[in-house]
Amino acid sequence: MLKAVRGFVRTVDAINAFVGKFAMYLLFVLAAILLYATGSRLFLGVPINWSLEMSQFVLSAYYLLGGAYSVQMGSHVRMDLFYSRWTPKSRAAIDAFTIIFVIIYLVLLLRGAISSTEYSITYNQRNYTSWAPVLWPIKVIMTTGIFLMLLQMISQFIKDIALASGKPLT
């Protein structure tokens, strides 16, 4: 059992590290889109109507796919009023308790994301703008990002329980 749990944690961490590092490069795609839009407007006098939406989609993909890696690296925002003074075991115990609520929230969020994605695919949902892009690709990315975050939180929960009990999984 312990071997399977360690395998799960290692696999989830490896997948989220890969996806998170890929997501980092989306900032270059975002910069290219914004640079192209700015250059088109300034030098050619032609505004492009897809640049704003596309940059929003790329930024959404960036934070949705990179969120789990952020949690894995411990670079997410945390209230650190008392937390830094606690022992690692105490921190792990508190984290394990609070992660339960995050997992419940992510399960509900994933359920809604799956429903929204199914609707988008079934009815070929489009955005209500002049460009009118289909929305299913960003919704699939959204659902994937939420699922990866849920897996990472389960992995983190397991690591925190192990650390709180004095037997870290490292």
N, C-alpha and C. Protein backbone atom coordinates (compact mmCIF):
# COMPACT_ATOMS: atom_id res chain seq x y z
N MET A 1 0.82 -1.20 0.00
CA MET A 1 0.00 0.00 0.00
C MET A 1 0.86 1.26 0.00
N LEU A 2 1.86 1.29 0.87
CA LEU A 2 2.71 2.46 0.96
C LEU A 2 3.46 2.70 -0.35
N LYS A 3 3.86 1.64 -1.02
CA LYS A 3 4.56 1.75 -2.30
C LYS A 3 3.64 2.37 -3.36
N ALA A 4 2.37 1.97 -3.35
CA ALA A 4 1.39 2.52 -4.30
C ALA A 4 1.15 4.00 -4.03
N VAL A 5 1.08 4.38 -2.77
CA VAL A 5 0.87 5.78 -2.40
C VAL A 5 2.07 6.62 -2.83
N ARG A 6 3.26 6.12 -2.57
CA ARG A 6 4.46 6.84 -3.01
C ARG A 6 4.51 6.96 -4.53
N GLY A 7 4.11 5.90 -5.22
CA GLY A 7 4.07 5.93 -6.67
C GLY A 7 3.07 6.96 -7.18
N PHE A 8 1.89 7.03 -6.52
CA PHE A 8 0.89 8.04 -6.89
C PHE A 8 1.44 9.44 -6.71
N VAL A 9 2.05 9.70 -5.54
CA VAL A 9 2.59 11.03 -5.25
C VAL A 9 3.69 11.39 -6.26
N ARG A 10 4.59 10.48 -6.54
CA ARG A 10 5.67 10.74 -7.50
C ARG A 10 5.11 11.00 -8.89
N THR A 11 4.13 10.21 -9.31
CA THR A 11 3.54 10.36 -10.64
C THR A 11 2.83 11.70 -10.78
N VAL A 12 2.01 12.04 -9.80
CA VAL A 12 1.28 13.32 -9.83
C VAL A 12 2.27 14.48 -9.83
N ASP A 13 3.28 14.42 -8.99
CA ASP A 13 4.28 15.49 -8.94
C ASP A 13 5.03 15.62 -10.26
N ALA A 14 5.35 14.49 -10.88
CA ALA A 14 6.08 14.54 -12.16
C ALA A 14 5.20 15.12 -13.27
N ILE A 15 3.95 14.70 -13.32
CA ILE A 15 3.03 15.22 -14.35
C ILE A 15 2.84 16.72 -14.17
N ASN A 16 2.59 17.15 -12.94
CA ASN A 16 2.35 18.58 -12.70
C ASN A 16 3.61 19.41 -12.90
N ALA A 17 4.78 18.84 -12.63
CA ALA A 17 6.02 19.57 -12.91
C ALA A 17 6.19 19.76 -14.42
N PHE A 18 5.90 18.72 -15.19
CA PHE A 18 6.01 18.82 -16.65
C PHE A 18 5.01 19.83 -17.21
N VAL A 19 3.75 19.72 -16.81
CA VAL A 19 2.72 20.62 -17.30
C VAL A 19 3.00 22.06 -16.84
N GLY A 20 3.44 22.21 -15.60
CA GLY A 20 3.75 23.54 -15.08
C GLY A 20 4.90 24.21 -15.81
N LYS A 21 5.93 23.45 -16.13
CA LYS A 21 7.06 24.01 -16.88
C LYS A 21 6.65 24.35 -18.30
N PHE A 22 5.76 23.54 -18.89
CA PHE A 22 5.21 23.87 -20.21
C PHE A 22 4.41 25.17 -20.12
N ALA A 23 3.60 25.30 -19.07
CA ALA A 23 2.75 26.49 -18.92
C ALA A 23 3.58 27.76 -18.80
N MET A 24 4.77 27.65 -18.25
CA MET A 24 5.64 28.84 -18.13
C MET A 24 5.91 29.47 -19.49
N TYR A 25 6.03 28.64 -20.50
CA TYR A 25 6.33 29.15 -21.83
C TYR A 25 5.13 29.84 -22.48
N LEU A 26 3.96 29.66 -21.92
CA LEU A 26 2.79 30.35 -22.46
C LEU A 26 2.90 31.87 -22.30
N LEU A 27 3.72 32.31 -21.36
CA LEU A 27 3.94 33.76 -21.23
C LEU A 27 4.61 34.33 -22.48
N PHE A 28 5.47 33.54 -23.12
CA PHE A 28 6.10 34.00 -24.36
C PHE A 28 5.07 34.08 -25.49
N VAL A 29 4.14 33.13 -25.50
CA VAL A 29 3.06 33.16 -26.49
C VAL A 29 2.19 34.39 -26.25
N LEU A 30 1.88 34.65 -24.99
CA LEU A 30 1.10 35.83 -24.64
C LEU A 30 1.81 37.11 -25.07
N ALA A 31 3.09 37.19 -24.79
CA ALA A 31 3.86 38.38 -25.18
C ALA A 31 3.87 38.54 -26.70
N ALA A 32 4.01 37.45 -27.43
CA ALA A 32 4.01 37.52 -28.89
C ALA A 32 2.66 38.02 -29.42
N ILE A 33 1.58 37.55 -28.85
CA ILE A 33 0.25 37.99 -29.28
C ILE A 33 0.08 39.48 -29.03
N LEU A 34 0.47 39.93 -27.84
CA LEU A 34 0.31 41.35 -27.50
C LEU A 34 1.25 42.23 -28.31
N LEU A 35 2.45 41.74 -28.57
CA LEU A 35 3.39 42.49 -29.40
C LEU A 35 2.87 42.61 -30.84
N TYR A 36 2.35 41.52 -31.37
CA TYR A 36 1.78 41.53 -32.72
C TYR A 36 0.59 42.50 -32.80
N ALA A 37 -0.27 42.46 -31.79
CA ALA A 37 -1.43 43.35 -31.78
C ALA A 37 -1.01 44.81 -31.70
N THR A 38 -0.02 45.09 -30.88
CA THR A 38 0.47 46.46 -30.75
C THR A 38 1.14 46.92 -32.04
N GLY A 39 1.98 46.08 -32.60
CA GLY A 39 2.64 46.43 -33.86
C GLY A 39 1.66 46.62 -35.00
N SER A 40 0.66 45.78 -35.06
CA SER A 40 -0.36 45.90 -36.10
C SER A 40 -1.11 47.22 -35.99
N ARG A 41 -1.41 47.61 -34.78
CA ARG A 41 -2.15 48.85 -34.57
C ARG A 41 -1.28 50.08 -34.82
N LEU A 42 -0.03 50.04 -34.34
CA LEU A 42 0.85 51.22 -34.46
C LEU A 42 1.40 51.41 -35.86
N PHE A 43 1.91 50.34 -36.46
CA PHE A 43 2.63 50.47 -37.73
C PHE A 43 1.74 50.30 -38.95
N LEU A 44 0.71 49.50 -38.83
CA LEU A 44 -0.16 49.26 -39.97
C LEU A 44 -1.49 49.99 -39.86
N GLY A 45 -1.79 50.46 -38.64
CA GLY A 45 -3.06 51.14 -38.43
C GLY A 45 -4.26 50.21 -38.47
N VAL A 46 -3.99 48.92 -38.30
CA VAL A 46 -5.05 47.92 -38.39
C VAL A 46 -5.18 47.21 -37.04
N PRO A 47 -6.23 47.53 -36.31
CA PRO A 47 -6.42 46.79 -35.06
C PRO A 47 -6.93 45.38 -35.36
N ILE A 48 -6.47 44.41 -34.62
CA ILE A 48 -6.95 43.04 -34.83
C ILE A 48 -7.90 42.67 -33.70
N ASN A 49 -9.06 42.15 -34.06
CA ASN A 49 -10.10 41.94 -33.06
C ASN A 49 -9.91 40.67 -32.24
N TRP A 50 -9.05 39.77 -32.65
CA TRP A 50 -8.90 38.52 -31.92
C TRP A 50 -7.84 38.58 -30.83
N SER A 51 -7.01 39.61 -30.83
CA SER A 51 -5.86 39.64 -29.91
C SER A 51 -6.26 39.70 -28.44
N LEU A 52 -7.27 40.48 -28.11
CA LEU A 52 -7.67 40.60 -26.71
C LEU A 52 -8.18 39.26 -26.18
N GLU A 53 -9.08 38.63 -26.94
CA GLU A 53 -9.62 37.34 -26.49
C GLU A 53 -8.56 36.26 -26.45
N MET A 54 -7.73 36.22 -27.47
CA MET A 54 -6.69 35.19 -27.51
C MET A 54 -5.71 35.37 -26.35
N SER A 55 -5.38 36.61 -26.03
CA SER A 55 -4.48 36.83 -24.89
C SER A 55 -5.15 36.42 -23.58
N GLN A 56 -6.47 36.63 -23.48
CA GLN A 56 -7.18 36.18 -22.28
C GLN A 56 -7.18 34.66 -22.19
N PHE A 57 -7.37 33.98 -23.32
CA PHE A 57 -7.36 32.52 -23.34
C PHE A 57 -5.98 31.98 -22.96
N VAL A 58 -4.93 32.58 -23.49
CA VAL A 58 -3.58 32.11 -23.19
C VAL A 58 -3.24 32.36 -21.72
N LEU A 59 -3.63 33.52 -21.20
CA LEU A 59 -3.38 33.81 -19.79
C LEU A 59 -4.16 32.85 -18.89
N SER A 60 -5.39 32.55 -19.27
CA SER A 60 -6.19 31.58 -18.50
C SER A 60 -5.53 30.21 -18.51
N ALA A 61 -5.05 29.79 -19.67
CA ALA A 61 -4.36 28.50 -19.76
C ALA A 61 -3.10 28.52 -18.89
N TYR A 62 -2.41 29.65 -18.87
CA TYR A 62 -1.19 29.79 -18.08
C TYR A 62 -1.45 29.54 -16.60
N TYR A 63 -2.45 30.22 -16.05
CA TYR A 63 -2.64 30.05 -14.61
C TYR A 63 -3.41 28.79 -14.26
N LEU A 64 -4.26 28.30 -15.16
CA LEU A 64 -4.97 27.05 -14.87
C LEU A 64 -4.04 25.84 -14.93
N LEU A 65 -3.15 25.82 -15.91
CA LEU A 65 -2.22 24.69 -16.03
C LEU A 65 -1.03 24.81 -15.08
N GLY A 66 -0.68 26.03 -14.70
CA GLY A 66 0.47 26.24 -13.83
C GLY A 66 0.14 26.24 -12.35
N GLY A 67 -1.15 26.25 -12.02
CA GLY A 67 -1.55 26.32 -10.61
C GLY A 67 -1.07 25.16 -9.77
N ALA A 68 -1.21 23.96 -10.29
CA ALA A 68 -0.80 22.78 -9.53
C ALA A 68 0.71 22.77 -9.28
N TYR A 69 1.47 23.21 -10.28
CA TYR A 69 2.93 23.29 -10.11
C TYR A 69 3.28 24.35 -9.07
N SER A 70 2.52 25.42 -9.04
CA SER A 70 2.74 26.46 -8.04
C SER A 70 2.53 25.91 -6.63
N VAL A 71 1.50 25.10 -6.45
CA VAL A 71 1.26 24.47 -5.15
C VAL A 71 2.39 23.51 -4.82
N GLN A 72 2.81 22.74 -5.80
CA GLN A 72 3.88 21.77 -5.60
C GLN A 72 5.17 22.46 -5.16
N MET A 73 5.47 23.60 -5.72
CA MET A 73 6.69 24.33 -5.40
C MET A 73 6.55 25.19 -4.14
N GLY A 74 5.33 25.27 -3.60
CA GLY A 74 5.10 26.09 -2.41
C GLY A 74 5.15 27.58 -2.69
N SER A 75 4.88 27.98 -3.92
CA SER A 75 4.97 29.39 -4.28
C SER A 75 3.60 30.06 -4.35
N HIS A 76 2.59 29.43 -3.80
CA HIS A 76 1.26 30.03 -3.76
C HIS A 76 1.16 31.00 -2.58
N VAL A 77 0.13 31.80 -2.57
CA VAL A 77 -0.04 32.80 -1.52
C VAL A 77 -0.54 32.11 -0.25
N ARG A 78 0.03 32.51 0.87
CA ARG A 78 -0.35 31.92 2.15
C ARG A 78 -0.32 33.02 3.22
N MET A 79 -1.27 32.95 4.13
CA MET A 79 -1.26 33.87 5.28
C MET A 79 -0.20 33.36 6.25
N ASP A 80 0.82 34.14 6.49
CA ASP A 80 1.97 33.67 7.24
C ASP A 80 2.14 34.41 8.56
N LEU A 81 1.04 34.73 9.21
CA LEU A 81 1.12 35.47 10.46
C LEU A 81 1.74 34.62 11.57
N PHE A 82 1.25 33.40 11.73
CA PHE A 82 1.77 32.49 12.76
C PHE A 82 2.48 31.29 12.15
N TYR A 83 2.16 30.98 10.92
CA TYR A 83 2.59 29.75 10.26
C TYR A 83 4.10 29.54 10.30
N SER A 84 4.86 30.59 10.07
CA SER A 84 6.32 30.44 10.01
C SER A 84 6.93 30.09 11.36
N ARG A 85 6.22 30.35 12.44
CA ARG A 85 6.74 30.06 13.78
C ARG A 85 6.49 28.62 14.22
N TRP A 86 5.61 27.92 13.51
CA TRP A 86 5.27 26.56 13.89
C TRP A 86 6.32 25.58 13.43
N THR A 87 6.34 24.42 14.06
CA THR A 87 7.25 23.35 13.64
C THR A 87 6.74 22.76 12.32
N PRO A 88 7.61 22.12 11.56
CA PRO A 88 7.16 21.49 10.30
C PRO A 88 6.02 20.49 10.50
N LYS A 89 6.03 19.74 11.61
CA LYS A 89 4.96 18.79 11.88
C LYS A 89 3.63 19.51 12.12
N SER A 90 3.67 20.60 12.86
CA SER A 90 2.45 21.38 13.11
C SER A 90 1.91 21.98 11.82
N ARG A 91 2.82 22.52 11.02
CA ARG A 91 2.40 23.08 9.72
C ARG A 91 1.74 22.02 8.86
N ALA A 92 2.34 20.84 8.82
CA ALA A 92 1.80 19.75 8.01
C ALA A 92 0.42 19.33 8.51
N ALA A 93 0.22 19.29 9.82
CA ALA A 93 -1.08 18.91 10.37
C ALA A 93 -2.14 19.94 10.02
N ILE A 94 -1.83 21.21 10.15
CA ILE A 94 -2.78 22.27 9.79
C ILE A 94 -3.05 22.26 8.30
N ASP A 95 -2.00 22.09 7.50
CA ASP A 95 -2.17 22.02 6.04
C ASP A 95 -3.06 20.84 5.64
N ALA A 96 -2.85 19.69 6.28
CA ALA A 96 -3.66 18.51 5.96
C ALA A 96 -5.13 18.79 6.27
N PHE A 97 -5.39 19.48 7.37
CA PHE A 97 -6.77 19.81 7.73
C PHE A 97 -7.39 20.78 6.72
N THR A 98 -6.68 21.83 6.38
CA THR A 98 -7.24 22.83 5.47
C THR A 98 -7.34 22.32 4.03
N ILE A 99 -6.46 21.42 3.65
CA ILE A 99 -6.51 20.88 2.29
C ILE A 99 -7.79 20.09 2.05
N ILE A 100 -8.36 19.53 3.10
CA ILE A 100 -9.64 18.81 2.95
C ILE A 100 -10.69 19.74 2.35
N PHE A 101 -10.74 20.98 2.82
CA PHE A 101 -11.72 21.93 2.31
C PHE A 101 -11.41 22.32 0.86
N VAL A 102 -10.15 22.44 0.56
CA VAL A 102 -9.76 22.76 -0.82
C VAL A 102 -10.13 21.61 -1.76
N ILE A 103 -9.93 20.39 -1.31
CA ILE A 103 -10.28 19.22 -2.12
C ILE A 103 -11.79 19.18 -2.38
N ILE A 104 -12.58 19.43 -1.35
CA ILE A 104 -14.04 19.47 -1.53
C ILE A 104 -14.42 20.54 -2.55
N TYR A 105 -13.83 21.72 -2.42
CA TYR A 105 -14.11 22.81 -3.36
C TYR A 105 -13.71 22.41 -4.78
N LEU A 106 -12.54 21.80 -4.93
CA LEU A 106 -12.07 21.41 -6.26
C LEU A 106 -12.93 20.32 -6.88
N VAL A 107 -13.45 19.41 -6.07
CA VAL A 107 -14.36 18.38 -6.60
C VAL A 107 -15.62 19.04 -7.16
N LEU A 108 -16.18 19.99 -6.42
CA LEU A 108 -17.37 20.70 -6.89
C LEU A 108 -17.05 21.53 -8.15
N LEU A 109 -15.91 22.17 -8.14
CA LEU A 109 -15.48 22.96 -9.29
C LEU A 109 -15.27 22.08 -10.52
N LEU A 110 -14.67 20.93 -10.32
CA LEU A 110 -14.44 19.99 -11.42
C LEU A 110 -15.77 19.48 -11.99
N ARG A 111 -16.70 19.21 -11.12
CA ARG A 111 -18.02 18.77 -11.57
C ARG A 111 -18.66 19.82 -12.48
N GLY A 112 -18.61 21.08 -12.07
CA GLY A 112 -19.15 22.17 -12.88
C GLY A 112 -18.37 22.36 -14.18
N ALA A 113 -17.07 22.20 -14.11
CA ALA A 113 -16.23 22.36 -15.31
C ALA A 113 -16.52 21.28 -16.33
N ILE A 114 -16.71 20.06 -15.86
CA ILE A 114 -17.03 18.96 -16.78
C ILE A 114 -18.37 19.22 -17.45
N SER A 115 -19.34 19.65 -16.67
CA SER A 115 -20.67 19.95 -17.22
C SER A 115 -20.59 21.08 -18.25
N SER A 116 -19.85 22.12 -17.92
CA SER A 116 -19.70 23.26 -18.84
C SER A 116 -18.97 22.86 -20.11
N THR A 117 -17.97 22.02 -19.98
CA THR A 117 -17.22 21.56 -21.15
C THR A 117 -18.08 20.67 -22.04
N GLU A 118 -18.85 19.78 -21.43
CA GLU A 118 -19.76 18.93 -22.21
C GLU A 118 -20.76 19.77 -22.99
N TYR A 119 -21.32 20.78 -22.35
CA TYR A 119 -22.27 21.68 -23.00
C TYR A 119 -21.60 22.39 -24.18
N SER A 120 -20.41 22.89 -23.93
CA SER A 120 -19.67 23.63 -24.94
C SER A 120 -19.38 22.78 -26.17
N ILE A 121 -19.01 21.53 -25.95
CA ILE A 121 -18.71 20.63 -27.06
C ILE A 121 -19.99 20.23 -27.79
N THR A 122 -21.02 19.88 -27.03
CA THR A 122 -22.28 19.42 -27.62
C THR A 122 -22.93 20.49 -28.51
N TYR A 123 -22.95 21.72 -28.03
CA TYR A 123 -23.65 22.79 -28.76
C TYR A 123 -22.71 23.72 -29.53
N ASN A 124 -21.44 23.34 -29.64
CA ASN A 124 -20.45 24.15 -30.35
C ASN A 124 -20.51 25.62 -29.89
N GLN A 125 -20.47 25.80 -28.59
CA GLN A 125 -20.62 27.12 -27.98
C GLN A 125 -19.54 28.07 -28.48
N ARG A 126 -19.97 29.28 -28.79
CA ARG A 126 -19.06 30.33 -29.25
C ARG A 126 -19.19 31.54 -28.33
N ASN A 127 -18.15 32.32 -28.29
CA ASN A 127 -18.17 33.55 -27.51
C ASN A 127 -18.99 34.60 -28.26
N TYR A 128 -19.61 35.50 -27.52
CA TYR A 128 -20.46 36.52 -28.14
C TYR A 128 -19.66 37.77 -28.49
N THR A 129 -18.73 37.64 -29.40
CA THR A 129 -17.93 38.77 -29.86
C THR A 129 -17.86 38.72 -31.38
N SER A 130 -17.24 39.72 -31.95
CA SER A 130 -17.13 39.74 -33.41
C SER A 130 -16.24 38.60 -33.94
N TRP A 131 -15.27 38.19 -33.17
CA TRP A 131 -14.40 37.08 -33.57
C TRP A 131 -15.13 35.76 -33.41
N ALA A 132 -15.92 35.62 -32.37
CA ALA A 132 -16.76 34.46 -32.07
C ALA A 132 -16.00 33.13 -32.08
N PRO A 133 -14.94 32.99 -31.26
CA PRO A 133 -14.22 31.71 -31.23
C PRO A 133 -15.03 30.64 -30.50
N VAL A 134 -14.78 29.39 -30.86
CA VAL A 134 -15.40 28.30 -30.11
C VAL A 134 -14.77 28.26 -28.73
N LEU A 135 -15.54 27.88 -27.75
CA LEU A 135 -15.07 27.93 -26.37
C LEU A 135 -14.61 26.59 -25.82
N TRP A 136 -14.88 25.50 -26.54
CA TRP A 136 -14.53 24.20 -25.96
C TRP A 136 -13.03 24.02 -25.71
N PRO A 137 -12.13 24.57 -26.55
CA PRO A 137 -10.71 24.34 -26.23
C PRO A 137 -10.29 24.92 -24.87
N ILE A 138 -10.73 26.14 -24.57
CA ILE A 138 -10.33 26.73 -23.30
C ILE A 138 -11.05 26.04 -22.15
N LYS A 139 -12.25 25.54 -22.40
CA LYS A 139 -12.97 24.81 -21.34
C LYS A 139 -12.33 23.45 -21.07
N VAL A 140 -11.79 22.82 -22.09
CA VAL A 140 -11.05 21.56 -21.87
C VAL A 140 -9.79 21.85 -21.06
N ILE A 141 -9.11 22.94 -21.38
CA ILE A 141 -7.92 23.34 -20.61
C ILE A 141 -8.30 23.66 -19.17
N MET A 142 -9.44 24.35 -18.99
CA MET A 142 -9.92 24.68 -17.65
C MET A 142 -10.18 23.41 -16.85
N THR A 143 -10.88 22.46 -17.44
CA THR A 143 -11.20 21.21 -16.76
C THR A 143 -9.93 20.43 -16.44
N THR A 144 -8.99 20.40 -17.38
CA THR A 144 -7.71 19.71 -17.15
C THR A 144 -6.94 20.37 -16.01
N GLY A 145 -6.89 21.69 -16.00
CA GLY A 145 -6.18 22.41 -14.94
C GLY A 145 -6.79 22.16 -13.56
N ILE A 146 -8.11 22.15 -13.49
CA ILE A 146 -8.78 21.88 -12.21
C ILE A 146 -8.50 20.44 -11.77
N PHE A 147 -8.54 19.50 -12.71
CA PHE A 147 -8.26 18.10 -12.38
C PHE A 147 -6.83 17.94 -11.89
N LEU A 148 -5.88 18.58 -12.56
CA LEU A 148 -4.48 18.49 -12.11
C LEU A 148 -4.29 19.12 -10.73
N MET A 149 -5.00 20.22 -10.47
CA MET A 149 -4.93 20.85 -9.15
C MET A 149 -5.50 19.92 -8.09
N LEU A 150 -6.60 19.24 -8.41
CA LEU A 150 -7.19 18.29 -7.48
C LEU A 150 -6.21 17.15 -7.17
N LEU A 151 -5.59 16.60 -8.21
CA LEU A 151 -4.59 15.55 -7.99
C LEU A 151 -3.43 16.05 -7.14
N GLN A 152 -2.98 17.28 -7.41
CA GLN A 152 -1.86 17.82 -6.64
C GLN A 152 -2.25 18.03 -5.19
N MET A 153 -3.47 18.44 -4.94
CA MET A 153 -3.92 18.64 -3.56
C MET A 153 -4.01 17.30 -2.82
N ILE A 154 -4.45 16.27 -3.52
CA ILE A 154 -4.48 14.93 -2.90
C ILE A 154 -3.06 14.48 -2.59
N SER A 155 -2.15 14.71 -3.53
CA SER A 155 -0.74 14.38 -3.32
C SER A 155 -0.18 15.16 -2.12
N GLN A 156 -0.50 16.44 -2.07
CA GLN A 156 -0.02 17.28 -0.96
C GLN A 156 -0.61 16.82 0.36
N PHE A 157 -1.88 16.43 0.35
CA PHE A 157 -2.54 15.92 1.55
C PHE A 157 -1.81 14.68 2.07
N ILE A 158 -1.48 13.78 1.16
CA ILE A 158 -0.75 12.56 1.55
C ILE A 158 0.61 12.91 2.14
N LYS A 159 1.32 13.85 1.50
CA LYS A 159 2.63 14.26 2.01
C LYS A 159 2.52 14.92 3.38
N ASP A 160 1.47 15.73 3.57
CA ASP A 160 1.29 16.40 4.86
C ASP A 160 0.93 15.42 5.97
N ILE A 161 0.09 14.43 5.65
CA ILE A 161 -0.26 13.40 6.66
C ILE A 161 0.99 12.62 7.05
N ALA A 162 1.80 12.28 6.07
CA ALA A 162 3.04 11.53 6.34
C ALA A 162 3.99 12.36 7.20
N LEU A 163 4.14 13.64 6.87
CA LEU A 163 5.04 14.50 7.63
C LEU A 163 4.50 14.73 9.06
N ALA A 164 3.20 14.95 9.18
CA ALA A 164 2.60 15.17 10.50
C ALA A 164 2.75 13.94 11.39
N SER A 165 2.76 12.76 10.79
CA SER A 165 2.92 11.54 11.58
C SER A 165 4.39 11.20 11.83
N GLY A 166 5.28 12.01 11.30
CA GLY A 166 6.70 11.82 11.54
C GLY A 166 7.38 10.90 10.57
N LYS A 167 6.72 10.54 9.48
CA LYS A 167 7.29 9.66 8.47
C LYS A 167 7.15 10.28 7.08
N PRO A 168 7.98 11.29 6.76
CA PRO A 168 7.85 11.96 5.46
C PRO A 168 8.06 11.00 4.29
N LEU A 169 7.40 11.30 3.17
CA LEU A 169 7.45 10.42 2.00
C LEU A 169 8.66 10.64 1.12
N THR A 170 9.58 11.46 1.46
CA THR A 170 10.71 11.78 0.58
C THR A 170 11.53 10.62 0.19
